[in-house]
Amino acid sequence: MLLGAAIEATSVERQFADRIERRQVFAYDPATTGITAEVQRRLGAITLARQMVERPDADAVAAALLAAVGDHGLNILAWGAQSEALRARIAFAREWAPDLPAMDDASLLARLDAWLGPMLGGVRRLSSLTDERLNDALLSLLDWPQRQRVDRLAPARFETPAGSSHAIDYAADGGPAVEVRVQALFGLQQHPMLAEGQVPLVLRLTSPAGRPIQVTRDLPGFWSGSWTDVKRELKGRYPKHPWPDDPGQALPTLRTKRRSDGQ
């Protein structure tokens, strides 16, 4: 622009009154994970005035948050161990039950209205959606028979003969795995299986101190094979614990020999 002349705001208001519009504008703020709302008076692309909205409409805020996730991706949500584990379990289960809903990023983004939308009522910030609430949101995509099928194909936890319970890591390299003290598996003669008996659970066996001693997909083979050498080493390091010659026939325990005897 080589030539121009100033124009007073009052003149703009008078001359273009019929073209000035008032609109409410919502914007996602990554710093707060919330929505800012303001009322703007605009003449085309020119903002003449703006005013922050103290109490924006809840439905409009929810829609703006949903749009922000669609624009920025699922990574702006506060995923945690519970919800991420559920996604991994369902991904594993879908190998044998392809009718289960997909939980990959692209599939979830395509169905935001179905699972995330209902969770946004009254929410002002995405950070308010806890791991537990995101887990519940994902579960809403499954009906009751589908939830039961996931539990059968991909149980969340492994219960040992000793009574201890361990979360199964379905995202582990090499397949679903669990870390467990070897003594808790005494008396177990069959290897634990997933997918209704089709996939062996990877057992990361540890010592009483939690140190890794063996990784196996064949527990009976371990008992009858390298256990003899492992037992010899464990017996030297942890003499207060029982180390049976035939662990498949022994009682499971997480106690020392003295405590197991009730002394």
Protein backbone atom coordinates (compact mmCIF):
# COMPACT_ATOMS: atom_id res chain seq x y z
CA MET A 1 0.00 0.00 0.00
CA LEU A 2 1.53 3.27 -1.14
CA LEU A 3 -1.29 5.58 -0.20
CA GLY A 4 -3.68 5.33 2.69
CA ALA A 5 -5.70 7.37 5.10
CA ALA A 6 -6.65 6.74 8.67
CA ILE A 7 -10.27 6.10 9.49
CA GLU A 8 -11.79 6.52 12.90
CA ALA A 9 -13.41 3.57 14.65
CA THR A 10 -16.64 5.47 14.90
CA SER A 11 -16.65 5.96 11.14
CA VAL A 12 -16.13 2.22 10.61
CA GLU A 13 -19.01 1.47 12.94
CA ARG A 14 -21.27 3.94 11.12
CA GLN A 15 -20.35 3.11 7.54
CA PHE A 16 -20.10 -0.68 7.84
CA ALA A 17 -22.65 -1.40 10.56
CA ASP A 18 -24.54 -3.88 8.37
CA ARG A 19 -21.35 -5.90 7.71
CA ILE A 20 -20.04 -6.09 11.27
CA GLU A 21 -20.74 -9.40 12.92
CA ARG A 22 -20.47 -10.63 16.47
CA ARG A 23 -19.25 -14.18 17.06
CA GLN A 24 -18.02 -16.39 19.87
CA VAL A 25 -14.58 -17.89 19.18
CA PHE A 26 -13.10 -20.89 20.95
CA ALA A 27 -9.41 -21.83 20.87
CA TYR A 28 -7.45 -24.70 22.37
CA ASP A 29 -4.61 -23.70 24.71
CA PRO A 30 -1.89 -26.41 24.82
CA ALA A 31 -0.35 -24.86 27.94
CA THR A 32 -3.48 -25.40 30.04
CA THR A 33 -5.12 -28.12 27.88
CA GLY A 34 -8.24 -25.96 28.15
CA ILE A 35 -10.36 -23.80 25.93
CA THR A 36 -10.27 -20.02 25.78
CA ALA A 37 -13.47 -18.31 24.71
CA GLU A 38 -14.02 -14.76 23.62
CA VAL A 39 -16.63 -12.69 21.86
CA GLN A 40 -15.27 -10.91 18.81
CA ARG A 41 -16.75 -8.11 16.73
CA ARG A 42 -15.40 -8.49 13.21
CA LEU A 43 -15.50 -6.74 9.90
CA GLY A 44 -14.45 -9.46 7.51
CA ALA A 45 -10.94 -10.50 8.57
CA ILE A 46 -10.51 -7.46 10.82
CA THR A 47 -11.14 -7.87 14.54
CA LEU A 48 -12.61 -4.64 15.82
CA ALA A 49 -13.02 -5.70 19.45
CA ARG A 50 -12.74 -8.79 21.62
CA GLN A 51 -13.89 -9.68 25.10
CA MET A 52 -13.13 -12.79 27.13
CA VAL A 53 -16.09 -14.96 28.12
CA GLU A 54 -16.01 -15.86 31.80
CA ARG A 55 -18.51 -18.74 31.64
CA PRO A 56 -18.63 -20.14 28.10
CA ASP A 57 -21.37 -22.57 27.11
CA ALA A 58 -20.45 -26.05 28.36
CA ASP A 59 -21.60 -27.82 25.19
CA ALA A 60 -19.55 -25.45 23.05
CA VAL A 61 -16.48 -26.06 25.21
CA ALA A 62 -16.96 -29.83 24.92
CA ALA A 63 -17.22 -29.53 21.15
CA ALA A 64 -14.07 -27.40 21.04
CA LEU A 65 -12.15 -29.93 23.15
CA LEU A 66 -13.29 -32.75 20.89
CA ALA A 67 -12.18 -30.77 17.86
CA ALA A 68 -8.80 -30.12 19.50
CA VAL A 69 -8.19 -33.85 19.90
CA GLY A 70 -9.17 -34.37 16.26
CA ASP A 71 -6.77 -31.63 15.16
CA HIS A 72 -3.81 -32.37 17.44
CA GLY A 73 -4.10 -36.15 17.87
CA LEU A 74 -4.60 -38.54 20.76
CA ASN A 75 -1.23 -37.68 22.29
CA ILE A 76 -2.69 -34.57 23.92
CA LEU A 77 -4.79 -36.83 26.17
CA ALA A 78 -3.38 -37.92 29.53
CA TRP A 79 -3.04 -41.64 28.79
CA GLY A 80 -1.79 -43.72 31.70
CA ALA A 81 -0.89 -47.30 32.54
CA GLN A 82 -4.50 -48.49 32.86
CA SER A 83 -5.85 -47.14 29.59
CA GLU A 84 -2.71 -48.00 27.63
CA ALA A 85 -2.80 -51.55 28.98
CA LEU A 86 -6.43 -51.91 27.87
CA ARG A 87 -5.57 -50.78 24.35
CA ALA A 88 -2.73 -53.32 24.21
CA ARG A 89 -4.98 -56.11 25.52
CA ILE A 90 -7.65 -55.40 22.92
CA ALA A 91 -5.07 -55.20 20.14
CA PHE A 92 -3.83 -58.65 21.18
CA ALA A 93 -7.36 -60.08 21.48
CA ARG A 94 -8.31 -58.82 18.02
CA GLU A 95 -5.87 -61.28 16.47
CA TRP A 96 -8.36 -64.00 17.42
CA ALA A 97 -11.53 -61.90 17.54
CA PRO A 98 -11.35 -59.39 14.64
CA ASP A 99 -14.92 -58.31 15.34
CA LEU A 100 -13.71 -56.43 18.42
CA PRO A 101 -13.41 -52.66 17.85
CA ALA A 102 -9.96 -51.47 16.81
CA MET A 103 -8.14 -49.27 19.31
CA ASP A 104 -5.31 -47.91 17.15
CA ASP A 105 -4.97 -44.13 16.86
CA ALA A 106 -6.61 -43.85 13.44
CA SER A 107 -9.64 -45.90 14.49
CA LEU A 108 -10.12 -44.01 17.75
CA LEU A 109 -9.81 -40.64 16.01
CA ALA A 110 -12.48 -41.72 13.53
CA ARG A 111 -14.88 -42.48 16.42
CA LEU A 112 -14.17 -39.63 18.81
CA ASP A 113 -17.86 -38.79 19.13
CA ALA A 114 -18.66 -42.34 20.26
CA TRP A 115 -16.15 -42.80 23.09
CA LEU A 116 -14.63 -39.44 24.00
CA GLY A 117 -17.59 -37.14 23.40
CA PRO A 118 -19.70 -38.48 26.31
CA MET A 119 -16.76 -37.93 28.69
CA LEU A 120 -16.45 -34.22 27.93
CA GLY A 121 -19.66 -32.97 29.49
CA GLY A 122 -18.76 -30.30 32.04
CA VAL A 123 -15.01 -30.71 31.35
CA ARG A 124 -12.99 -27.49 30.98
CA ARG A 125 -9.56 -29.04 30.40
CA LEU A 126 -8.38 -32.27 28.77
CA SER A 127 -6.03 -32.83 31.70
CA SER A 128 -9.17 -33.43 33.78
CA LEU A 129 -9.66 -36.69 31.92
CA THR A 130 -7.75 -39.07 34.16
CA ASP A 131 -6.31 -42.40 33.13
CA GLU A 132 -9.27 -44.13 34.79
CA ARG A 133 -11.81 -42.03 32.89
CA LEU A 134 -10.04 -42.65 29.58
CA ASN A 135 -10.09 -46.37 30.38
CA ASP A 136 -13.85 -46.18 31.01
CA ALA A 137 -14.28 -44.26 27.76
CA LEU A 138 -12.56 -47.02 25.79
CA LEU A 139 -14.60 -49.69 27.55
CA SER A 140 -17.75 -47.92 26.38
CA LEU A 141 -16.93 -49.14 22.86
CA LEU A 142 -17.34 -52.75 24.02
CA ASP A 143 -20.61 -54.42 24.88
CA TRP A 144 -20.74 -56.92 27.73
CA PRO A 145 -20.09 -60.08 25.61
CA GLN A 146 -17.12 -58.35 23.98
CA ARG A 147 -15.67 -57.39 27.37
CA GLN A 148 -15.97 -60.99 28.50
CA ARG A 149 -14.25 -62.17 25.34
CA VAL A 150 -11.35 -59.79 25.89
CA ASP A 151 -11.02 -61.11 29.45
CA ARG A 152 -10.89 -64.69 28.16
CA LEU A 153 -8.43 -64.03 25.35
CA ALA A 154 -6.30 -61.41 27.10
CA PRO A 155 -6.70 -61.47 30.89
CA ALA A 156 -5.33 -58.37 32.58
CA ARG A 157 -3.49 -60.26 35.32
CA PHE A 158 -1.80 -63.58 36.03
CA GLU A 159 -2.58 -65.28 39.32
CA THR A 160 0.21 -67.53 40.65
CA PRO A 161 -0.24 -70.73 42.64
CA ALA A 162 1.17 -68.80 45.62
CA GLY A 163 -1.71 -66.33 45.44
CA SER A 164 0.20 -63.33 44.10
CA SER A 165 -1.26 -61.32 41.23
CA HIS A 166 0.78 -59.75 38.42
CA ALA A 167 -0.17 -57.40 35.57
CA ILE A 168 0.50 -58.86 32.13
CA ASP A 169 2.41 -56.59 29.76
CA TYR A 170 0.80 -57.04 26.33
CA ALA A 171 3.10 -54.47 24.75
CA ALA A 172 6.27 -56.36 25.68
CA ASP A 173 8.81 -57.31 23.04
CA GLY A 174 8.48 -60.98 22.27
CA GLY A 175 4.84 -61.22 23.26
CA PRO A 176 2.72 -60.79 26.41
CA ALA A 177 4.92 -61.17 29.48
CA VAL A 178 4.78 -61.14 33.24
CA GLU A 179 7.49 -60.79 35.88
CA VAL A 180 7.13 -63.20 38.78
CA ARG A 181 9.24 -64.78 41.51
CA VAL A 182 10.08 -68.34 40.57
CA GLN A 183 9.00 -69.67 43.98
CA ALA A 184 5.44 -68.48 43.35
CA LEU A 185 5.25 -71.00 40.49
CA PHE A 186 6.23 -74.09 42.45
CA GLY A 187 3.62 -76.77 41.90
CA LEU A 188 2.71 -75.49 38.42
CA GLN A 189 3.16 -78.31 35.92
CA GLN A 190 1.63 -76.69 32.86
CA HIS A 191 2.79 -73.48 31.23
CA PRO A 192 0.32 -70.56 31.52
CA MET A 193 -1.41 -69.82 28.23
CA LEU A 194 -3.31 -66.89 26.72
CA ALA A 195 -5.79 -66.61 23.84
CA GLU A 196 -7.70 -69.59 25.23
CA GLY A 197 -4.66 -71.86 25.13
CA GLN A 198 -3.08 -70.66 21.89
CA VAL A 199 -0.25 -68.38 23.08
CA PRO A 200 2.25 -69.08 25.89
CA LEU A 201 2.66 -66.32 28.43
CA VAL A 202 6.29 -65.20 28.59
CA LEU A 203 7.47 -65.76 32.16
CA ARG A 204 10.25 -63.48 33.38
CA LEU A 205 11.35 -65.41 36.42
CA THR A 206 13.12 -63.62 39.25
CA SER A 207 14.93 -64.47 42.47
CA PRO A 208 13.55 -63.61 45.94
CA ALA A 209 15.36 -60.26 45.55
CA GLY A 210 13.64 -59.56 42.24
CA ARG A 211 16.71 -60.23 40.10
CA PRO A 212 16.10 -61.86 36.71
CA ILE A 213 17.11 -65.51 36.51
CA GLN A 214 15.32 -66.92 33.46
CA VAL A 215 12.86 -66.08 30.67
CA THR A 216 10.78 -68.99 29.47
CA ARG A 217 7.80 -69.98 27.36
CA ASP A 218 8.08 -73.57 28.55
CA LEU A 219 7.90 -73.87 32.33
CA PRO A 220 7.83 -77.70 32.48
CA GLY A 221 10.91 -77.74 30.22
CA PHE A 222 12.62 -75.30 32.57
CA TRP A 223 11.78 -77.43 35.62
CA SER A 224 13.20 -80.56 33.96
CA GLY A 225 16.14 -78.81 32.30
CA SER A 226 18.15 -75.84 33.48
CA TRP A 227 16.44 -75.66 36.89
CA THR A 228 19.15 -77.86 38.38
CA ASP A 229 21.84 -75.29 37.64
CA VAL A 230 19.62 -72.34 38.55
CA LYS A 231 18.65 -74.00 41.82
CA ARG A 232 22.27 -74.52 42.77
CA GLU A 233 23.02 -70.83 42.32
CA LEU A 234 19.87 -69.70 44.14
CA LYS A 235 20.51 -72.05 47.02
CA GLY A 236 23.92 -70.49 47.52
CA ARG A 237 22.59 -66.92 47.39
CA TYR A 238 19.35 -67.46 49.32
CA PRO A 239 19.92 -70.34 51.74
CA LYS A 240 16.90 -69.39 53.88
CA HIS A 241 14.48 -70.12 51.02
CA PRO A 242 13.32 -73.57 49.91
CA TRP A 243 14.76 -74.84 46.62
CA PRO A 244 13.17 -78.22 45.83
CA ASP A 245 14.65 -80.71 43.40
CA ASP A 246 11.26 -81.12 41.71
CA PRO A 247 9.56 -77.70 41.80
CA GLY A 248 6.63 -78.96 39.74
CA GLN A 249 5.61 -81.10 42.71
CA ALA A 250 6.51 -78.61 45.46
CA LEU A 251 4.25 -76.23 47.32
CA PRO A 252 4.36 -72.64 46.06
CA THR A 253 5.62 -70.12 48.58
CA LEU A 254 6.85 -66.56 48.91
CA ARG A 255 8.23 -67.22 52.39
CA THR A 256 11.55 -68.39 53.77
CA LYS A 257 11.87 -71.91 55.18
CA ARG A 258 11.55 -70.65 58.77
CA ARG A 259 8.39 -68.67 58.06
CA SER A 260 6.91 -71.51 55.99
CA ASP A 261 7.36 -73.80 59.00
CA GLY A 262 5.44 -71.31 61.15
CA GLN A 263 8.43 -70.51 63.33
